[in-house]
Amino acid sequence: FSEDAVQAALLANDIGGQGRIRIRDHLLRHQQGRRSWLPAPIWR
């Protein structure tokens, strides 16, 4: 019962939506210039 309640509450807060959001921030530019060996997303 409690496990199902947590799962239901999470699904109720899935706003869905399509498209991508540009993370345009000079403070992140150095990180965004790196190539990560990790996939994105990390796991499905």
PDB file of all heavy atoms in Angstrom:
ATOM      1  N   PHE A   1       0.830  -1.204   0.000  1.00  0.00           N
ATOM      2  CA  PHE A   1       0.000   0.000   0.000  1.00  0.00           C
ATOM      3  C   PHE A   1       0.867   1.258   0.000  1.00  0.00           C
ATOM      4  O   PHE A   1       0.632   2.190  -0.777  1.00  0.00           O
ATOM      5  CB  PHE A   1      -0.908  -0.030   1.238  1.00  0.00           C
ATOM      6  CG  PHE A   1      -1.725   1.206   1.439  1.00  0.00           C
ATOM      7  CD1 PHE A   1      -2.941   1.372   0.790  1.00  0.00           C
ATOM      8  CD2 PHE A   1      -1.288   2.214   2.289  1.00  0.00           C
ATOM      9  CE1 PHE A   1      -3.698   2.529   0.979  1.00  0.00           C
ATOM     10  CE2 PHE A   1      -2.028   3.366   2.489  1.00  0.00           C
ATOM     11  CZ  PHE A   1      -3.238   3.520   1.826  1.00  0.00           C
ATOM     12  N   SER A   2       1.884   1.303   0.863  1.00  0.00           N
ATOM     13  CA  SER A   2       2.727   2.501   0.943  1.00  0.00           C
ATOM     14  C   SER A   2       3.626   2.645  -0.278  1.00  0.00           C
ATOM     15  O   SER A   2       3.827   3.763  -0.786  1.00  0.00           O
ATOM     16  CB  SER A   2       3.566   2.487   2.228  1.00  0.00           C
ATOM     17  OG  SER A   2       4.435   1.380   2.267  1.00  0.00           O
ATOM     18  N   GLU A   3       4.155   1.546  -0.788  1.00  0.00           N
ATOM     19  CA  GLU A   3       4.976   1.610  -1.996  1.00  0.00           C
ATOM     20  C   GLU A   3       4.146   2.106  -3.179  1.00  0.00           C
ATOM     21  O   GLU A   3       4.603   2.939  -3.972  1.00  0.00           O
ATOM     22  CB  GLU A   3       5.548   0.227  -2.297  1.00  0.00           C
ATOM     23  CG  GLU A   3       6.656  -0.209  -1.363  1.00  0.00           C
ATOM     24  CD  GLU A   3       8.001   0.386  -1.743  1.00  0.00           C
ATOM     25  OE1 GLU A   3       8.455   0.162  -2.876  1.00  0.00           O
ATOM     26  OE2 GLU A   3       8.577   1.103  -0.903  1.00  0.00           O
ATOM     27  N   ASP A   4       2.939   1.599  -3.312  1.00  0.00           N
ATOM     28  CA  ASP A   4       2.066   2.041  -4.408  1.00  0.00           C
ATOM     29  C   ASP A   4       1.718   3.523  -4.281  1.00  0.00           C
ATOM     30  O   ASP A   4       1.588   4.228  -5.294  1.00  0.00           O
ATOM     31  CB  ASP A   4       0.781   1.210  -4.427  1.00  0.00           C
ATOM     32  CG  ASP A   4       1.005  -0.226  -4.898  1.00  0.00           C
ATOM     33  OD1 ASP A   4       2.102  -0.511  -5.418  1.00  0.00           O
ATOM     34  OD2 ASP A   4       0.083  -1.052  -4.735  1.00  0.00           O
ATOM     35  N   ALA A   5       1.567   3.995  -3.041  1.00  0.00           N
ATOM     36  CA  ALA A   5       1.228   5.410  -2.835  1.00  0.00           C
ATOM     37  C   ALA A   5       2.360   6.319  -3.293  1.00  0.00           C
ATOM     38  O   ALA A   5       2.122   7.374  -3.893  1.00  0.00           O
ATOM     39  CB  ALA A   5       0.902   5.649  -1.363  1.00  0.00           C
ATOM     40  N   VAL A   6       3.606   5.935  -3.014  1.00  0.00           N
ATOM     41  CA  VAL A   6       4.756   6.720  -3.465  1.00  0.00           C
ATOM     42  C   VAL A   6       4.808   6.749  -4.990  1.00  0.00           C
ATOM     43  O   VAL A   6       4.993   7.802  -5.613  1.00  0.00           O
ATOM     44  CB  VAL A   6       6.068   6.147  -2.897  1.00  0.00           C
ATOM     45  CG1 VAL A   6       7.282   6.828  -3.529  1.00  0.00           C
ATOM     46  CG2 VAL A   6       6.105   6.322  -1.379  1.00  0.00           C
ATOM     47  N   GLN A   7       4.624   5.578  -5.597  1.00  0.00           N
ATOM     48  CA  GLN A   7       4.666   5.503  -7.058  1.00  0.00           C
ATOM     49  C   GLN A   7       3.551   6.339  -7.686  1.00  0.00           C
ATOM     50  O   GLN A   7       3.777   7.077  -8.656  1.00  0.00           O
ATOM     51  CB  GLN A   7       4.538   4.045  -7.501  1.00  0.00           C
ATOM     52  CG  GLN A   7       4.586   3.834  -9.004  1.00  0.00           C
ATOM     53  CD  GLN A   7       4.629   2.367  -9.365  1.00  0.00           C
ATOM     54  OE1 GLN A   7       5.308   1.567  -8.725  1.00  0.00           O
ATOM     55  NE2 GLN A   7       3.891   1.989 -10.399  1.00  0.00           N
ATOM     56  N   ALA A   8       2.346   6.274  -7.144  1.00  0.00           N
ATOM     57  CA  ALA A   8       1.217   7.029  -7.692  1.00  0.00           C
ATOM     58  C   ALA A   8       1.454   8.532  -7.565  1.00  0.00           C
ATOM     59  O   ALA A   8       1.134   9.305  -8.474  1.00  0.00           O
ATOM     60  CB  ALA A   8      -0.071   6.631  -6.979  1.00  0.00           C
ATOM     61  N   ALA A   9       2.028   8.961  -6.432  1.00  0.00           N
ATOM     62  CA  ALA A   9       2.287  10.390  -6.235  1.00  0.00           C
ATOM     63  C   ALA A   9       3.318  10.899  -7.234  1.00  0.00           C
ATOM     64  O   ALA A   9       3.202  12.019  -7.745  1.00  0.00           O
ATOM     65  CB  ALA A   9       2.759  10.636  -4.807  1.00  0.00           C
ATOM     66  N   LEU A  10       4.326  10.090  -7.537  1.00  0.00           N
ATOM     67  CA  LEU A  10       5.319  10.485  -8.527  1.00  0.00           C
ATOM     68  C   LEU A  10       4.693  10.619  -9.909  1.00  0.00           C
ATOM     69  O   LEU A  10       4.892  11.614 -10.614  1.00  0.00           O
ATOM     70  CB  LEU A  10       6.469   9.473  -8.554  1.00  0.00           C
ATOM     71  CG  LEU A  10       7.471   9.576  -7.404  1.00  0.00           C
ATOM     72  CD1 LEU A  10       8.351   8.341  -7.353  1.00  0.00           C
ATOM     73  CD2 LEU A  10       8.320  10.830  -7.536  1.00  0.00           C
ATOM     74  N   LEU A  11       3.918   9.633 -10.300  1.00  0.00           N
ATOM     75  CA  LEU A  11       3.296   9.673 -11.623  1.00  0.00           C
ATOM     76  C   LEU A  11       2.329  10.844 -11.744  1.00  0.00           C
ATOM     77  O   LEU A  11       2.189  11.436 -12.819  1.00  0.00           O
ATOM     78  CB  LEU A  11       2.582   8.350 -11.902  1.00  0.00           C
ATOM     79  CG  LEU A  11       3.502   7.136 -12.115  1.00  0.00           C
ATOM     80  CD1 LEU A  11       2.688   5.859 -12.256  1.00  0.00           C
ATOM     81  CD2 LEU A  11       4.393   7.332 -13.345  1.00  0.00           C
ATOM     82  N   ALA A  12       1.681  11.201 -10.644  1.00  0.00           N
ATOM     83  CA  ALA A  12       0.752  12.334 -10.668  1.00  0.00           C
ATOM     84  C   ALA A  12       1.478  13.650 -10.894  1.00  0.00           C
ATOM     85  O   ALA A  12       0.851  14.646 -11.294  1.00  0.00           O
ATOM     86  CB  ALA A  12      -0.039  12.390  -9.361  1.00  0.00           C
ATOM     87  N   ASN A  13       2.786  13.684 -10.653  1.00  0.00           N
ATOM     88  CA  ASN A  13       3.559  14.914 -10.826  1.00  0.00           C
ATOM     89  C   ASN A  13       4.401  14.910 -12.096  1.00  0.00           C
ATOM     90  O   ASN A  13       5.277  15.755 -12.257  1.00  0.00           O
ATOM     91  CB  ASN A  13       4.453  15.130  -9.601  1.00  0.00           C
ATOM     92  CG  ASN A  13       3.679  15.645  -8.419  1.00  0.00           C
ATOM     93  OD1 ASN A  13       3.388  16.831  -8.330  1.00  0.00           O
ATOM     94  ND2 ASN A  13       3.314  14.752  -7.512  1.00  0.00           N
ATOM     95  N   ASP A  14       4.112  13.977 -12.976  1.00  0.00           N
ATOM     96  CA  ASP A  14       4.755  13.967 -14.292  1.00  0.00           C
ATOM     97  C   ASP A  14       3.998  14.950 -15.182  1.00  0.00           C
ATOM     98  O   ASP A  14       2.866  14.688 -15.592  1.00  0.00           O
ATOM     99  CB  ASP A  14       4.708  12.551 -14.873  1.00  0.00           C
ATOM    100  CG  ASP A  14       5.316  12.467 -16.268  1.00  0.00           C
ATOM    101  OD1 ASP A  14       5.824  13.492 -16.769  1.00  0.00           O
ATOM    102  OD2 ASP A  14       5.260  11.372 -16.860  1.00  0.00           O
ATOM    103  N   ILE A  15       4.613  16.101 -15.487  1.00  0.00           N
ATOM    104  CA  ILE A  15       3.913  17.116 -16.280  1.00  0.00           C
ATOM    105  C   ILE A  15       4.011  16.844 -17.781  1.00  0.00           C
ATOM    106  O   ILE A  15       3.411  17.561 -18.578  1.00  0.00           O
ATOM    107  CB  ILE A  15       4.446  18.531 -15.979  1.00  0.00           C
ATOM    108  CG1 ILE A  15       5.896  18.682 -16.472  1.00  0.00           C
ATOM    109  CG2 ILE A  15       4.311  18.869 -14.511  1.00  0.00           C
ATOM    110  CD1 ILE A  15       6.385  20.118 -16.461  1.00  0.00           C
ATOM    111  N   GLY A  16       4.776  15.798 -18.146  1.00  0.00           N
ATOM    112  CA  GLY A  16       4.885  15.477 -19.567  1.00  0.00           C
ATOM    113  C   GLY A  16       5.610  16.577 -20.321  1.00  0.00           C
ATOM    114  O   GLY A  16       6.552  17.191 -19.832  1.00  0.00           O
ATOM    115  N   GLY A  17       5.150  16.863 -21.501  1.00  0.00           N
ATOM    116  CA  GLY A  17       5.752  17.933 -22.294  1.00  0.00           C
ATOM    117  C   GLY A  17       6.709  17.408 -23.341  1.00  0.00           C
ATOM    118  O   GLY A  17       7.299  16.335 -23.194  1.00  0.00           O
ATOM    119  N   GLN A  18       6.852  18.157 -24.397  1.00  0.00           N
ATOM    120  CA  GLN A  18       7.734  17.809 -25.500  1.00  0.00           C
ATOM    121  C   GLN A  18       8.784  18.900 -25.664  1.00  0.00           C
ATOM    122  O   GLN A  18       8.623  20.026 -25.206  1.00  0.00           O
ATOM    123  CB  GLN A  18       6.927  17.669 -26.797  1.00  0.00           C
ATOM    124  CG  GLN A  18       5.853  16.587 -26.763  1.00  0.00           C
ATOM    125  CD  GLN A  18       6.439  15.194 -26.674  1.00  0.00           C
ATOM    126  OE1 GLN A  18       7.492  14.922 -27.265  1.00  0.00           O
ATOM    127  NE2 GLN A  18       5.777  14.312 -25.933  1.00  0.00           N
ATOM    128  N   GLY A  19       9.855  18.560 -26.339  1.00  0.00           N
ATOM    129  CA  GLY A  19      10.863  19.548 -26.669  1.00  0.00           C
ATOM    130  C   GLY A  19      12.014  19.561 -25.694  1.00  0.00           C
ATOM    131  O   GLY A  19      12.058  18.806 -24.715  1.00  0.00           O
ATOM    132  N   ARG A  20      12.971  20.438 -25.960  1.00  0.00           N
ATOM    133  CA  ARG A  20      14.180  20.536 -25.152  1.00  0.00           C
ATOM    134  C   ARG A  20      14.387  21.983 -24.710  1.00  0.00           C
ATOM    135  O   ARG A  20      13.927  22.916 -25.359  1.00  0.00           O
ATOM    136  CB  ARG A  20      15.388  20.026 -25.944  1.00  0.00           C
ATOM    137  CG  ARG A  20      15.218  18.572 -26.384  1.00  0.00           C
ATOM    138  CD  ARG A  20      16.346  18.118 -27.276  1.00  0.00           C
ATOM    139  NE  ARG A  20      17.586  17.905 -26.527  1.00  0.00           N
ATOM    140  CZ  ARG A  20      17.837  16.816 -25.805  1.00  0.00           C
ATOM    141  NH1 ARG A  20      16.929  15.849 -25.719  1.00  0.00           N
ATOM    142  NH2 ARG A  20      18.977  16.667 -25.179  1.00  0.00           N
ATOM    143  N   ILE A  21      15.082  22.131 -23.610  1.00  0.00           N
ATOM    144  CA  ILE A  21      15.326  23.437 -23.015  1.00  0.00           C
ATOM    145  C   ILE A  21      16.806  23.771 -23.152  1.00  0.00           C
ATOM    146  O   ILE A  21      17.680  22.970 -22.777  1.00  0.00           O
ATOM    147  CB  ILE A  21      14.913  23.441 -21.536  1.00  0.00           C
ATOM    148  CG1 ILE A  21      13.408  23.154 -21.405  1.00  0.00           C
ATOM    149  CG2 ILE A  21      15.266  24.775 -20.868  1.00  0.00           C
ATOM    150  CD1 ILE A  21      12.954  22.879 -19.988  1.00  0.00           C
ATOM    151  N   ARG A  22      17.069  24.937 -23.680  1.00  0.00           N
ATOM    152  CA  ARG A  22      18.442  25.382 -23.854  1.00  0.00           C
ATOM    153  C   ARG A  22      19.011  25.833 -22.511  1.00  0.00           C
ATOM    154  O   ARG A  22      18.425  26.675 -21.821  1.00  0.00           O
ATOM    155  CB  ARG A  22      18.487  26.549 -24.853  1.00  0.00           C
ATOM    156  CG  ARG A  22      19.863  27.155 -25.066  1.00  0.00           C
ATOM    157  CD  ARG A  22      20.754  26.267 -25.880  1.00  0.00           C
ATOM    158  NE  ARG A  22      22.051  26.890 -26.133  1.00  0.00           N
ATOM    159  CZ  ARG A  22      23.047  26.283 -26.768  1.00  0.00           C
ATOM    160  NH1 ARG A  22      22.875  25.054 -27.230  1.00  0.00           N
ATOM    161  NH2 ARG A  22      24.191  26.898 -26.962  1.00  0.00           N
ATOM    162  N   ILE A  23      20.158  25.249 -22.131  1.00  0.00           N
ATOM    163  CA  ILE A  23      20.836  25.637 -20.895  1.00  0.00           C
ATOM    164  C   ILE A  23      21.951  26.608 -21.281  1.00  0.00           C
ATOM    165  O   ILE A  23      23.123  26.258 -21.405  1.00  0.00           O
ATOM    166  CB  ILE A  23      21.401  24.406 -20.150  1.00  0.00           C
ATOM    167  CG1 ILE A  23      20.331  23.310 -20.029  1.00  0.00           C
ATOM    168  CG2 ILE A  23      21.913  24.811 -18.767  1.00  0.00           C
ATOM    169  CD1 ILE A  23      19.100  23.702 -19.250  1.00  0.00           C
ATOM    170  N   ARG A  24      21.537  27.842 -21.506  1.00  0.00           N
ATOM    171  CA  ARG A  24      22.487  28.855 -21.966  1.00  0.00           C
ATOM    172  C   ARG A  24      22.979  29.655 -20.757  1.00  0.00           C
ATOM    173  O   ARG A  24      22.282  30.512 -20.238  1.00  0.00           O
ATOM    174  CB  ARG A  24      21.813  29.778 -22.981  1.00  0.00           C
ATOM    175  CG  ARG A  24      22.779  30.697 -23.744  1.00  0.00           C
ATOM    176  CD  ARG A  24      22.010  31.660 -24.614  1.00  0.00           C
ATOM    177  NE  ARG A  24      21.151  30.986 -25.569  1.00  0.00           N
ATOM    178  CZ  ARG A  24      21.557  30.548 -26.768  1.00  0.00           C
ATOM    179  NH1 ARG A  24      22.808  30.733 -27.148  1.00  0.00           N
ATOM    180  NH2 ARG A  24      20.702  29.957 -27.583  1.00  0.00           N
ATOM    181  N   ASP A  25      24.201  29.349 -20.323  1.00  0.00           N
ATOM    182  CA  ASP A  25      24.720  29.956 -19.098  1.00  0.00           C
ATOM    183  C   ASP A  25      26.242  29.971 -19.190  1.00  0.00           C
ATOM    184  O   ASP A  25      26.880  28.919 -19.275  1.00  0.00           O
ATOM    185  CB  ASP A  25      24.261  29.144 -17.883  1.00  0.00           C
ATOM    186  CG  ASP A  25      24.489  29.849 -16.558  1.00  0.00           C
ATOM    187  OD1 ASP A  25      25.563  30.452 -16.396  1.00  0.00           O
ATOM    188  OD2 ASP A  25      23.609  29.783 -15.691  1.00  0.00           O
ATOM    189  N   HIS A  26      26.831  31.162 -19.156  1.00  0.00           N
ATOM    190  CA  HIS A  26      28.289  31.239 -19.286  1.00  0.00           C
ATOM    191  C   HIS A  26      28.992  30.559 -18.119  1.00  0.00           C
ATOM    192  O   HIS A  26      30.140  30.129 -18.237  1.00  0.00           O
ATOM    193  CB  HIS A  26      28.735  32.708 -19.399  1.00  0.00           C
ATOM    194  CG  HIS A  26      28.661  33.471 -18.117  1.00  0.00           C
ATOM    195  ND1 HIS A  26      27.468  34.004 -17.632  1.00  0.00           N
ATOM    196  CD2 HIS A  26      29.625  33.774 -17.197  1.00  0.00           C
ATOM    197  CE1 HIS A  26      27.713  34.616 -16.491  1.00  0.00           C
ATOM    198  NE2 HIS A  26      28.997  34.501 -16.202  1.00  0.00           N
ATOM    199  N   LEU A  27      28.291  30.415 -16.988  1.00  0.00           N
ATOM    200  CA  LEU A  27      28.892  29.757 -15.838  1.00  0.00           C
ATOM    201  C   LEU A  27      28.990  28.245 -16.027  1.00  0.00           C
ATOM    202  O   LEU A  27      29.726  27.568 -15.306  1.00  0.00           O
ATOM    203  CB  LEU A  27      28.079  30.065 -14.582  1.00  0.00           C
ATOM    204  CG  LEU A  27      28.012  31.554 -14.210  1.00  0.00           C
ATOM    205  CD1 LEU A  27      26.993  31.787 -13.101  1.00  0.00           C
ATOM    206  CD2 LEU A  27      29.391  32.054 -13.787  1.00  0.00           C
ATOM    207  N   LEU A  28      28.246  27.698 -16.988  1.00  0.00           N
ATOM    208  CA  LEU A  28      28.288  26.276 -17.305  1.00  0.00           C
ATOM    209  C   LEU A  28      29.071  25.992 -18.586  1.00  0.00           C
ATOM    210  O   LEU A  28      29.215  24.823 -18.962  1.00  0.00           O
ATOM    211  CB  LEU A  28      26.870  25.724 -17.450  1.00  0.00           C
ATOM    212  CG  LEU A  28      26.047  25.623 -16.165  1.00  0.00           C
ATOM    213  CD1 LEU A  28      24.569  25.510 -16.491  1.00  0.00           C
ATOM    214  CD2 LEU A  28      26.505  24.421 -15.342  1.00  0.00           C
ATOM    215  N   ARG A  29      29.560  27.016 -19.241  1.00  0.00           N
ATOM    216  CA  ARG A  29      30.169  26.825 -20.560  1.00  0.00           C
ATOM    217  C   ARG A  29      31.370  25.884 -20.504  1.00  0.00           C
ATOM    218  O   ARG A  29      31.572  25.056 -21.389  1.00  0.00           O
ATOM    219  CB  ARG A  29      30.586  28.182 -21.126  1.00  0.00           C
ATOM    220  CG  ARG A  29      30.967  28.146 -22.606  1.00  0.00           C
ATOM    221  CD  ARG A  29      31.208  29.555 -23.111  1.00  0.00           C
ATOM    222  NE  ARG A  29      30.020  30.380 -22.934  1.00  0.00           N
ATOM    223  CZ  ARG A  29      30.051  31.702 -22.812  1.00  0.00           C
ATOM    224  NH1 ARG A  29      31.217  32.343 -22.831  1.00  0.00           N
ATOM    225  NH2 ARG A  29      28.931  32.391 -22.682  1.00  0.00           N
ATOM    226  N   HIS A  30      32.177  26.011 -19.454  1.00  0.00           N
ATOM    227  CA  HIS A  30      33.357  25.144 -19.337  1.00  0.00           C
ATOM    228  C   HIS A  30      32.941  23.674 -19.237  1.00  0.00           C
ATOM    229  O   HIS A  30      33.547  22.802 -19.866  1.00  0.00           O
ATOM    230  CB  HIS A  30      34.196  25.539 -18.122  1.00  0.00           C
ATOM    231  CG  HIS A  30      35.380  24.660 -17.893  1.00  0.00           C
ATOM    232  ND1 HIS A  30      36.451  24.612 -18.760  1.00  0.00           N
ATOM    233  CD2 HIS A  30      35.663  23.767 -16.899  1.00  0.00           C
ATOM    234  CE1 HIS A  30      37.338  23.742 -18.311  1.00  0.00           C
ATOM    235  NE2 HIS A  30      36.884  23.223 -17.193  1.00  0.00           N
ATOM    236  N   GLN A  31      31.901  23.391 -18.435  1.00  0.00           N
ATOM    237  CA  GLN A  31      31.430  22.009 -18.292  1.00  0.00           C
ATOM    238  C   GLN A  31      30.832  21.500 -19.604  1.00  0.00           C
ATOM    239  O   GLN A  31      31.038  20.353 -19.986  1.00  0.00           O
ATOM    240  CB  GLN A  31      30.381  21.931 -17.177  1.00  0.00           C
ATOM    241  CG  GLN A  31      30.892  22.323 -15.805  1.00  0.00           C
ATOM    242  CD  GLN A  31      31.914  21.351 -15.269  1.00  0.00           C
ATOM    243  OE1 GLN A  31      31.829  20.156 -15.538  1.00  0.00           O
ATOM    244  NE2 GLN A  31      32.884  21.848 -14.527  1.00  0.00           N
ATOM    245  N   GLN A  32      30.086  22.367 -20.283  1.00  0.00           N
ATOM    246  CA  GLN A  32      29.427  21.942 -21.518  1.00  0.00           C
ATOM    247  C   GLN A  32      30.418  21.703 -22.645  1.00  0.00           C
ATOM    248  O   GLN A  32      30.103  21.029 -23.623  1.00  0.00           O
ATOM    249  CB  GLN A  32      28.390  22.983 -21.930  1.00  0.00           C
ATOM    250  CG  GLN A  32      27.211  23.049 -20.971  1.00  0.00           C
ATOM    251  CD  GLN A  32      26.294  24.221 -21.240  1.00  0.00           C
ATOM    252  OE1 GLN A  32      26.628  25.121 -22.001  1.00  0.00           O
ATOM    253  NE2 GLN A  32      25.127  24.226 -20.587  1.00  0.00           N
ATOM    254  N   GLY A  33      31.631  22.237 -22.516  1.00  0.00           N
ATOM    255  CA  GLY A  33      32.650  21.990 -23.520  1.00  0.00           C
ATOM    256  C   GLY A  33      33.337  20.655 -23.370  1.00  0.00           C
ATOM    257  O   GLY A  33      34.098  20.234 -24.235  1.00  0.00           O
ATOM    258  N   ARG A  34      33.066  19.964 -22.271  1.00  0.00           N
ATOM    259  CA  ARG A  34      33.669  18.654 -22.046  1.00  0.00           C
ATOM    260  C   ARG A  34      32.836  17.561 -22.704  1.00  0.00           C
ATOM    261  O   ARG A  34      31.621  17.672 -22.834  1.00  0.00           O
ATOM    262  CB  ARG A  34      33.779  18.365 -20.555  1.00  0.00           C
ATOM    263  CG  ARG A  34      34.699  19.324 -19.809  1.00  0.00           C
ATOM    264  CD  ARG A  34      34.733  18.973 -18.343  1.00  0.00           C
ATOM    265  NE  ARG A  34      35.696  19.821 -17.628  1.00  0.00           N
ATOM    266  CZ  ARG A  34      35.941  19.715 -16.334  1.00  0.00           C
ATOM    267  NH1 ARG A  34      35.298  18.808 -15.617  1.00  0.00           N
ATOM    268  NH2 ARG A  34      36.821  20.502 -15.759  1.00  0.00           N
ATOM    269  N   ARG A  35      33.497  16.475 -23.059  1.00  0.00           N
ATOM    270  CA  ARG A  35      32.789  15.310 -23.591  1.00  0.00           C
ATOM    271  C   ARG A  35      32.777  14.241 -22.509  1.00  0.00           C
ATOM    272  O   ARG A  35      33.814  13.709 -22.130  1.00  0.00           O
ATOM    273  CB  ARG A  35      33.472  14.787 -24.857  1.00  0.00           C
ATOM    274  CG  ARG A  35      33.438  15.770 -26.016  1.00  0.00           C
ATOM    275  CD  ARG A  35      33.924  15.128 -27.289  1.00  0.00           C
ATOM    276  NE  ARG A  35      33.033  14.037 -27.693  1.00  0.00           N
ATOM    277  CZ  ARG A  35      33.252  13.264 -28.769  1.00  0.00           C
ATOM    278  NH1 ARG A  35      34.310  13.470 -29.523  1.00  0.00           N
ATOM    279  NH2 ARG A  35      32.417  12.301 -29.072  1.00  0.00           N
ATOM    280  N   SER A  36      31.614  13.947 -22.022  1.00  0.00           N
ATOM    281  CA  SER A  36      31.497  12.943 -20.966  1.00  0.00           C
ATOM    282  C   SER A  36      31.468  11.551 -21.575  1.00  0.00           C
ATOM    283  O   SER A  36      30.880  11.314 -22.621  1.00  0.00           O
ATOM    284  CB  SER A  36      30.209  13.172 -20.156  1.00  0.00           C
ATOM    285  OG  SER A  36      30.012  12.112 -19.253  1.00  0.00           O
ATOM    286  N   TRP A  37      32.134  10.606 -20.902  1.00  0.00           N
ATOM    287  CA  TRP A  37      32.073   9.216 -21.357  1.00  0.00           C
ATOM    288  C   TRP A  37      30.771   8.547 -20.938  1.00  0.00           C
ATOM    289  O   TRP A  37      30.463   7.446 -21.367  1.00  0.00           O
ATOM    290  CB  TRP A  37      33.248   8.424 -20.787  1.00  0.00           C
ATOM    291  CG  TRP A  37      33.310   8.400 -19.290  1.00  0.00           C
ATOM    292  CD1 TRP A  37      33.968   9.263 -18.471  1.00  0.00           C
ATOM    293  CD2 TRP A  37      32.677   7.451 -18.422  1.00  0.00           C
ATOM    294  NE1 TRP A  37      33.785   8.932 -17.159  1.00  0.00           N
ATOM    295  CE2 TRP A  37      33.007   7.825 -17.090  1.00  0.00           C
ATOM    296  CE3 TRP A  37      31.870   6.333 -18.619  1.00  0.00           C
ATOM    297  CZ2 TRP A  37      32.559   7.115 -15.994  1.00  0.00           C
ATOM    298  CZ3 TRP A  37      31.421   5.628 -17.523  1.00  0.00           C
ATOM    299  CH2 TRP A  37      31.762   6.022 -16.225  1.00  0.00           C
ATOM    300  N   LEU A  38      29.973   9.234 -20.115  1.00  0.00           N
ATOM    301  CA  LEU A  38      28.708   8.664 -19.676  1.00  0.00           C
ATOM    302  C   LEU A  38      27.611   8.972 -20.683  1.00  0.00           C
ATOM    303  O   LEU A  38      27.560  10.065 -21.241  1.00  0.00           O
ATOM    304  CB  LEU A  38      28.304   9.264 -18.322  1.00  0.00           C
ATOM    305  CG  LEU A  38      29.215   8.890 -17.140  1.00  0.00           C
ATOM    306  CD1 LEU A  38      28.895   9.777 -15.954  1.00  0.00           C
ATOM    307  CD2 LEU A  38      29.039   7.437 -16.777  1.00  0.00           C
ATOM    308  N   PRO A  39      26.711   8.014 -20.958  1.00  0.00           N
ATOM    309  CA  PRO A  39      25.590   8.289 -21.851  1.00  0.00           C
ATOM    310  C   PRO A  39      24.591   9.236 -21.228  1.00  0.00           C
ATOM    311  O   PRO A  39      24.622   9.474 -20.026  1.00  0.00           O
ATOM    312  CB  PRO A  39      24.973   6.900 -22.083  1.00  0.00           C
ATOM    313  CG  PRO A  39      25.305   6.135 -20.851  1.00  0.00           C
ATOM    314  CD  PRO A  39      26.649   6.652 -20.399  1.00  0.00           C
ATOM    315  N   ALA A  40      23.698   9.758 -22.043  1.00  0.00           N
ATOM    316  CA  ALA A  40      22.649  10.644 -21.528  1.00  0.00           C
ATOM    317  C   ALA A  40      21.318  10.239 -22.129  1.00  0.00           C
ATOM    318  O   ALA A  40      21.150  10.272 -23.330  1.00  0.00           O
ATOM    319  CB  ALA A  40      22.955  12.088 -21.881  1.00  0.00           C
ATOM    320  N   PRO A  41      20.346   9.845 -21.330  1.00  0.00           N
ATOM    321  CA  PRO A  41      20.445   9.648 -19.885  1.00  0.00           C
ATOM    322  C   PRO A  41      21.298   8.433 -19.557  1.00  0.00           C
ATOM    323  O   PRO A  41      21.541   7.594 -20.422  1.00  0.00           O
ATOM    324  CB  PRO A  41      18.993   9.438 -19.458  1.00  0.00           C
ATOM    325  CG  PRO A  41      18.366   8.826 -20.669  1.00  0.00           C
ATOM    326  CD  PRO A  41      19.020   9.497 -21.854  1.00  0.00           C
ATOM    327  N   ILE A  42      21.713   8.321 -18.302  1.00  0.00           N
ATOM    328  CA  ILE A  42      22.614   7.259 -17.918  1.00  0.00           C
ATOM    329  C   ILE A  42      21.930   5.899 -17.980  1.00  0.00           C
ATOM    330  O   ILE A  42      22.560   4.877 -18.227  1.00  0.00           O
ATOM    331  CB  ILE A  42      23.191   7.526 -16.513  1.00  0.00           C
ATOM    332  CG1 ILE A  42      24.223   6.472 -16.146  1.00  0.00           C
ATOM    333  CG2 ILE A  42      22.117   7.608 -15.463  1.00  0.00           C
ATOM    334  CD1 ILE A  42      25.413   6.432 -17.034  1.00  0.00           C
ATOM    335  N   TRP A  43      20.637   5.835 -17.733  1.00  0.00           N
ATOM    336  CA  TRP A  43      19.985   4.523 -17.639  1.00  0.00           C
ATOM    337  C   TRP A  43      18.512   4.646 -17.965  1.00  0.00           C
ATOM    338  O   TRP A  43      17.859   5.591 -17.550  1.00  0.00           O
ATOM    339  CB  TRP A  43      20.160   3.957 -16.229  1.00  0.00           C
ATOM    340  CG  TRP A  43      19.684   2.560 -16.067  1.00  0.00           C
ATOM    341  CD1 TRP A  43      20.338   1.405 -16.422  1.00  0.00           C
ATOM    342  CD2 TRP A  43      18.445   2.125 -15.519  1.00  0.00           C
ATOM    343  NE1 TRP A  43      19.588   0.311 -16.131  1.00  0.00           N
ATOM    344  CE2 TRP A  43      18.423   0.715 -15.570  1.00  0.00           C
ATOM    345  CE3 TRP A  43      17.343   2.796 -14.979  1.00  0.00           C
ATOM    346  CZ2 TRP A  43      17.347  -0.022 -15.106  1.00  0.00           C
ATOM    347  CZ3 TRP A  43      16.274   2.048 -14.520  1.00  0.00           C
ATOM    348  CH2 TRP A  43      16.289   0.660 -14.581  1.00  0.00           C
ATOM    349  N   ARG A  44      18.029   3.691 -18.736  1.00  0.00           N
ATOM    350  CA  ARG A  44      16.601   3.579 -18.996  1.00  0.00           C
ATOM    351  C   ARG A  44      16.096   2.299 -18.369  1.00  0.00           C
ATOM    352  O   ARG A  44      16.770   1.272 -18.439  1.00  0.00           O
ATOM    353  CB  ARG A  44      16.324   3.538 -20.508  1.00  0.00           C
ATOM    354  CG  ARG A  44      16.615   4.842 -21.230  1.00  0.00           C
ATOM    355  CD  ARG A  44      16.381   4.664 -22.730  1.00  0.00           C
ATOM    356  NE  ARG A  44      16.657   5.892 -23.450  1.00  0.00           N
ATOM    357  CZ  ARG A  44      15.743   6.812 -23.755  1.00  0.00           C
ATOM    358  NH1 ARG A  44      14.502   6.643 -23.355  1.00  0.00           N
ATOM    359  NH2 ARG A  44      16.065   7.903 -24.402  1.00  0.00           N
TER     360      ARG A  44
END
